[in-house]
């Protein structure tokens, strides 16, 4: 178990798809749920699509699917990165990725 003072790691991934049809977007969301949810050390998991109706200048709209996972600590994040389910997710889905951006942050 992580020490109380050890930071949680927020792992946000934003996928821009080559084919961003409703069907292709749903396929990626479903794959995220199947392969990336329920890993040891996960504190929070969510996946969803670009929300409509947010058109401010600061809103980045250059993505289709957002993955949000909070890990108990960096060690759990690192274990997730090497897990077979995670690598299988990448192999089965990367052909439709136009761009992937990852934002990892340490939080209290």
Foldseek 3Di string as FASTA:
>chain_A
DDDPPAWKKKKKKFFAWQDLPPVLLVVLLVLCVVQPPDQPQWPDWDKDFDDPDDDDPPDDPRGGMMIITIGNHVVSVVVSCPDPSNVVSCVVNVVGTPDMDIDMDTHD
